[in-house]
N, C-alpha and C. Protein backbone atom coordinates (compact mmCIF):
# COMPACT_ATOMS: atom_id res chain seq x y z
N MET A 1 118.67 154.63 84.34
CA MET A 1 118.65 154.85 85.12
C MET A 1 117.33 154.04 85.53
N LYS A 2 117.18 152.50 85.73
CA LYS A 2 116.40 151.75 86.88
C LYS A 2 115.34 152.23 87.53
N ARG A 3 114.40 152.54 87.99
CA ARG A 3 113.53 152.88 89.08
C ARG A 3 112.88 151.74 90.19
N ALA A 4 113.76 152.18 91.65
CA ALA A 4 113.62 150.73 92.40
C ALA A 4 112.31 150.27 92.79
N LYS A 5 112.24 149.33 93.31
CA LYS A 5 110.92 148.45 93.35
C LYS A 5 110.29 149.77 94.36
N PRO A 6 109.36 150.15 94.29
CA PRO A 6 107.91 150.73 95.89
C PRO A 6 108.66 148.59 96.93
N THR A 7 107.83 149.62 97.61
CA THR A 7 108.36 148.83 99.12
C THR A 7 106.31 148.51 99.13
N ASN A 8 106.46 147.58 100.58
CA ASN A 8 105.22 146.99 101.05
C ASN A 8 104.81 148.46 101.42
N GLU A 9 105.09 149.23 101.98
CA GLU A 9 103.83 150.01 102.64
C GLU A 9 103.82 151.23 101.22
N GLU A 10 104.79 151.07 100.13
CA GLU A 10 104.68 152.19 99.00
C GLU A 10 103.72 151.74 98.02
N ARG A 11 103.45 150.15 98.02
CA ARG A 11 101.98 149.40 97.04
C ARG A 11 101.12 149.79 98.16
N ALA A 12 100.74 149.71 99.53
CA ALA A 12 99.73 149.87 100.09
C ALA A 12 99.09 150.75 100.49
N VAL A 13 99.12 151.79 100.08
CA VAL A 13 98.31 153.36 99.95
C VAL A 13 98.00 153.58 98.18
N LYS A 14 97.16 154.24 98.33
CA LYS A 14 96.30 154.50 97.21
C LYS A 14 95.78 155.38 96.87
N LYS A 15 95.69 156.15 95.45
CA LYS A 15 95.07 157.83 95.80
C LYS A 15 93.36 158.10 95.11
N PHE A 16 92.69 158.48 95.87
CA PHE A 16 91.42 158.11 95.72
C PHE A 16 90.84 160.26 95.67
N MET A 17 90.22 159.86 94.73
CA MET A 17 89.45 161.53 94.54
C MET A 17 88.09 161.26 95.32
N ILE A 18 87.68 162.44 95.97
CA ILE A 18 86.84 162.98 96.53
C ILE A 18 86.14 164.40 95.67
N LEU A 19 85.15 163.44 94.70
CA LEU A 19 83.67 164.64 94.36
C LEU A 19 82.69 165.67 95.21
N HIS A 20 82.97 166.73 95.54
CA HIS A 20 81.64 167.07 96.60
C HIS A 20 80.71 168.07 95.77
N PHE A 21 79.12 167.52 95.87
CA PHE A 21 78.32 167.50 94.90
C PHE A 21 77.38 168.69 96.19
N GLY A 22 76.82 169.91 94.84
CA GLY A 22 75.88 170.59 95.89
C GLY A 22 76.43 172.34 95.95
N PHE A 23 75.48 172.71 96.26
CA PHE A 23 76.18 174.24 96.57
C PHE A 23 74.87 174.80 97.48
N GLU A 24 74.93 175.49 98.78
CA GLU A 24 74.27 176.31 99.29
C GLU A 24 75.03 177.54 99.79
N THR A 25 74.66 178.55 100.02
CA THR A 25 75.34 179.70 101.08
C THR A 25 75.43 179.15 102.35
N PRO A 26 77.68 178.74 102.71
CA PRO A 26 77.61 178.13 103.77
C PRO A 26 76.58 179.17 105.40
N THR A 27 76.73 178.16 106.19
CA THR A 27 76.97 179.58 107.78
C THR A 27 77.77 179.29 108.17
N PRO A 28 78.09 179.42 109.59
CA PRO A 28 79.09 179.81 110.56
C PRO A 28 79.44 178.02 110.44
N GLU A 29 78.25 177.49 110.96
CA GLU A 29 78.80 176.50 111.46
C GLU A 29 78.90 175.21 110.26
N ILE A 30 78.75 175.54 109.12
CA ILE A 30 78.98 174.47 108.26
C ILE A 30 80.09 174.92 107.49
N MET A 31 81.09 175.71 107.80
CA MET A 31 82.65 176.53 107.08
C MET A 31 82.87 176.16 108.51
N ASP A 32 82.70 175.88 109.90
CA ASP A 32 83.60 175.15 111.20
C ASP A 32 83.37 173.88 110.41
N ALA A 33 82.61 173.06 110.64
CA ALA A 33 82.47 171.84 110.01
C ALA A 33 83.06 171.18 109.05
N TRP A 34 83.24 172.04 108.30
CA TRP A 34 84.40 171.70 106.88
C TRP A 34 85.77 171.67 107.29
N GLY A 35 85.57 172.97 108.27
CA GLY A 35 87.17 173.23 108.76
C GLY A 35 87.81 172.23 109.88
N LYS A 36 86.63 171.90 110.59
CA LYS A 36 87.23 170.55 111.34
C LYS A 36 87.82 169.59 109.88
N TRP A 37 86.67 169.23 109.36
CA TRP A 37 87.26 167.79 108.24
C TRP A 37 88.18 167.89 107.96
N PHE A 38 88.72 169.11 107.32
CA PHE A 38 90.21 169.16 106.43
C PHE A 38 90.96 168.57 107.24
N GLU A 39 90.78 169.68 108.71
CA GLU A 39 92.14 169.25 109.72
C GLU A 39 91.67 167.99 110.03
N SER A 40 91.08 166.50 109.99
CA SER A 40 90.91 165.37 110.53
C SER A 40 91.50 164.66 109.74
N ILE A 41 91.63 165.32 107.37
CA ILE A 41 92.18 164.55 106.53
C ILE A 41 93.72 164.85 106.73
N ALA A 42 93.85 166.34 107.01
CA ALA A 42 94.97 166.82 106.73
C ALA A 42 96.24 165.75 106.33
N ASP A 43 96.34 164.49 107.19
CA ASP A 43 98.01 163.76 107.05
C ASP A 43 97.54 162.92 105.39
N LYS A 44 96.10 162.94 105.09
CA LYS A 44 95.92 161.67 104.19
C LYS A 44 95.70 162.68 102.83
N GLN A 45 95.68 164.00 103.03
CA GLN A 45 95.69 164.69 102.22
C GLN A 45 96.46 164.89 100.96
N VAL A 46 96.34 164.98 99.69
CA VAL A 46 97.40 165.34 98.94
C VAL A 46 96.93 166.28 98.43
N ASP A 47 96.01 166.83 97.96
CA ASP A 47 95.52 168.38 96.97
C ASP A 47 93.87 168.39 97.43
N GLN A 48 93.98 169.76 97.39
CA GLN A 48 92.22 169.67 97.34
C GLN A 48 92.09 170.83 96.03
N GLY A 49 90.98 171.22 95.89
CA GLY A 49 90.73 172.69 95.17
C GLY A 49 89.03 172.61 95.21
N GLY A 50 88.04 173.92 94.88
CA GLY A 50 86.94 174.20 94.83
C GLY A 50 86.71 174.51 92.96
N PHE A 51 85.18 174.61 92.79
CA PHE A 51 84.97 174.84 91.41
C PHE A 51 84.04 176.01 91.46
N SER A 52 84.47 177.02 90.06
CA SER A 52 83.40 177.96 90.28
C SER A 52 82.52 177.77 88.48
N GLY A 53 82.18 178.44 88.12
CA GLY A 53 82.09 178.59 86.64
C GLY A 53 82.59 177.06 86.24
N GLY A 54 81.41 176.37 85.69
CA GLY A 54 82.00 175.23 84.25
C GLY A 54 81.05 175.40 82.54
N ARG A 55 81.56 174.25 81.60
CA ARG A 55 80.92 174.48 80.76
C ARG A 55 80.86 172.69 80.35
N GLU A 56 79.68 172.26 79.79
CA GLU A 56 80.24 170.86 79.28
C GLU A 56 80.38 170.83 77.49
N VAL A 57 80.47 170.45 77.29
CA VAL A 57 81.01 170.14 75.72
C VAL A 57 80.75 168.85 75.02
N SER A 58 80.10 168.84 74.36
CA SER A 58 78.97 167.19 74.48
C SER A 58 79.11 167.36 72.47
N LYS A 59 78.89 166.20 71.91
CA LYS A 59 78.51 166.41 70.69
C LYS A 59 77.52 167.00 70.08
N ASP A 60 76.45 167.63 71.11
CA ASP A 60 75.54 168.56 71.15
C ASP A 60 75.60 169.74 71.14
N GLY A 61 77.13 169.80 71.57
CA GLY A 61 77.65 171.97 71.27
C GLY A 61 78.10 171.50 73.38
N THR A 62 77.89 173.17 73.26
CA THR A 62 78.34 173.13 74.64
C THR A 62 77.20 174.34 75.67
N LYS A 63 77.41 173.91 76.57
CA LYS A 63 76.87 174.48 77.85
C LYS A 63 77.23 175.40 79.00
N ASP A 64 76.82 176.43 79.52
CA ASP A 64 77.41 176.54 80.93
C ASP A 64 76.11 175.76 81.81
N LEU A 65 77.36 175.08 82.69
CA LEU A 65 76.84 174.31 83.90
C LEU A 65 75.91 175.04 84.83
N PRO A 66 75.01 175.28 85.40
CA PRO A 66 74.09 175.81 86.48
C PRO A 66 74.89 175.26 88.29
N TRP A 67 74.93 176.53 88.85
CA TRP A 67 75.25 176.62 89.88
C TRP A 67 74.42 176.33 90.95
N GLY A 68 74.25 174.77 91.55
CA GLY A 68 73.47 174.14 92.76
C GLY A 68 73.41 173.19 93.32
N MET A 69 72.62 172.84 93.94
CA MET A 69 73.04 171.65 94.61
C MET A 69 72.80 170.32 93.55
N GLU A 70 72.90 170.41 92.26
CA GLU A 70 73.80 168.73 90.85
C GLU A 70 75.08 169.32 90.82
N SER A 71 75.65 170.44 91.19
CA SER A 71 77.21 170.72 90.81
C SER A 71 78.00 170.15 91.26
N ILE A 72 79.22 169.95 90.93
CA ILE A 72 80.24 169.50 91.43
C ILE A 72 81.01 170.90 92.26
N THR A 73 81.38 170.45 93.08
CA THR A 73 82.12 171.78 93.96
C THR A 73 82.64 171.77 94.01
N GLY A 74 83.96 170.55 94.23
CA GLY A 74 84.99 170.55 94.93
C GLY A 74 85.83 169.34 94.40
N TYR A 75 87.04 169.33 95.25
CA TYR A 75 87.52 167.87 95.05
C TYR A 75 88.72 167.82 96.68
N ASN A 76 88.91 166.85 96.64
CA ASN A 76 90.00 166.30 97.26
C ASN A 76 90.90 165.21 96.62
N ILE A 77 92.06 165.33 97.01
CA ILE A 77 92.65 163.89 96.75
C ILE A 77 93.72 163.63 97.67
N ILE A 78 93.32 162.34 98.18
CA ILE A 78 93.56 161.77 99.52
C ILE A 78 94.07 160.11 99.30
N GLU A 79 94.82 160.18 100.73
CA GLU A 79 95.98 158.71 100.09
C GLU A 79 95.53 157.77 100.83
N ALA A 80 94.79 156.43 100.99
CA ALA A 80 94.10 155.32 101.55
C ALA A 80 94.55 154.26 101.06
N GLU A 81 94.01 153.22 102.04
CA GLU A 81 94.87 151.19 101.96
C GLU A 81 93.42 151.67 100.92
N ASP A 82 92.55 151.65 100.20
CA ASP A 82 91.18 151.01 99.92
C ASP A 82 90.65 151.59 99.30
N LEU A 83 89.28 151.43 98.79
CA LEU A 83 88.60 152.64 98.76
C LEU A 83 87.46 152.03 100.02
N ASP A 84 87.43 150.91 100.52
CA ASP A 84 86.28 150.97 101.34
C ASP A 84 86.99 151.61 102.60
N ALA A 85 88.55 152.60 102.73
CA ALA A 85 89.04 153.11 103.70
C ALA A 85 88.67 154.45 103.05
N ALA A 86 88.74 154.86 102.25
CA ALA A 86 88.37 156.07 101.36
C ALA A 86 86.95 156.26 101.97
N GLU A 87 86.05 156.00 101.57
CA GLU A 87 84.46 155.20 101.66
C GLU A 87 84.41 156.51 103.33
N GLN A 88 85.47 155.65 104.10
CA GLN A 88 85.04 156.74 105.46
C GLN A 88 85.47 157.41 105.70
N ILE A 89 86.32 157.39 105.47
CA ILE A 89 86.95 159.26 104.79
C ILE A 89 86.06 160.23 104.39
N ALA A 90 84.88 160.20 103.79
CA ALA A 90 83.94 160.79 102.66
C ALA A 90 82.79 160.55 103.69
N HIS A 91 82.22 159.65 104.36
CA HIS A 91 81.49 159.44 105.81
C HIS A 91 81.53 160.83 106.70
N ASP A 92 82.86 161.44 107.17
CA ASP A 92 82.41 161.94 107.74
C ASP A 92 82.87 163.56 107.55
N ASN A 93 82.75 163.70 106.12
CA ASN A 93 82.45 165.47 105.45
C ASN A 93 81.03 165.31 105.35
N PRO A 94 80.93 166.75 105.88
CA PRO A 94 79.77 167.76 106.35
C PRO A 94 78.88 168.34 105.35
N PHE A 95 79.26 167.32 104.18
CA PHE A 95 78.63 167.39 102.47
C PHE A 95 77.64 167.97 102.71
N ILE A 96 76.79 168.46 101.46
CA ILE A 96 75.87 169.50 100.56
C ILE A 96 74.69 168.45 100.35
N THR A 97 75.11 167.82 99.31
CA THR A 97 74.36 167.00 98.38
C THR A 97 74.78 165.39 98.57
N SER A 98 76.00 165.59 97.99
CA SER A 98 76.82 163.97 97.69
C SER A 98 78.34 164.15 97.61
N ILE A 99 78.53 163.11 98.36
CA ILE A 99 80.08 162.50 97.81
C ILE A 99 80.07 161.46 96.98
N ARG A 100 81.28 161.64 95.99
CA ARG A 100 82.01 160.61 94.80
C ARG A 100 82.99 160.21 95.45
N VAL A 101 83.33 158.87 95.17
CA VAL A 101 84.74 158.30 95.31
C VAL A 101 85.12 157.55 94.30
N TYR A 102 86.35 157.74 94.51
CA TYR A 102 86.75 157.43 93.03
C TYR A 102 88.29 156.70 92.97
N GLU A 103 88.90 155.92 92.89
CA GLU A 103 90.74 155.08 93.01
C GLU A 103 90.70 156.19 91.54
N ILE A 104 92.17 156.75 92.08
CA ILE A 104 92.67 157.42 90.79
C ILE A 104 93.84 156.14 90.40
N ARG A 105 93.91 155.56 88.85
CA ARG A 105 94.68 155.00 88.76
C ARG A 105 96.17 155.92 88.03
N SER A 106 97.15 155.39 88.13
CA SER A 106 97.70 156.08 87.12
C SER A 106 98.37 155.38 85.80
N MET A 107 98.15 156.43 84.36
CA MET A 107 98.58 155.65 83.23
C MET A 107 100.11 155.64 83.13
């Protein structure tokens, strides 16, 4: 069965991954700020998750990853028109160290 062509509206929305970097023990104020941010993106969010322990695998072997300010601590997958719009959504996040935004390409 042949798939229907996507409409203009379907083509206009792309998916982006927001990666959160940095960990510190959250205060009630930080938790409140995160809660407000999650509410603000609820209509754009496709998925979200957090990380705990991790390992890096390379030609040199495997090593446990530290949990600190350089750790990737979580992600959100959102829908936005373009990278600029996704970046604007990320700017409002109460990030700890930084956030990286990547467009997700379908394979």
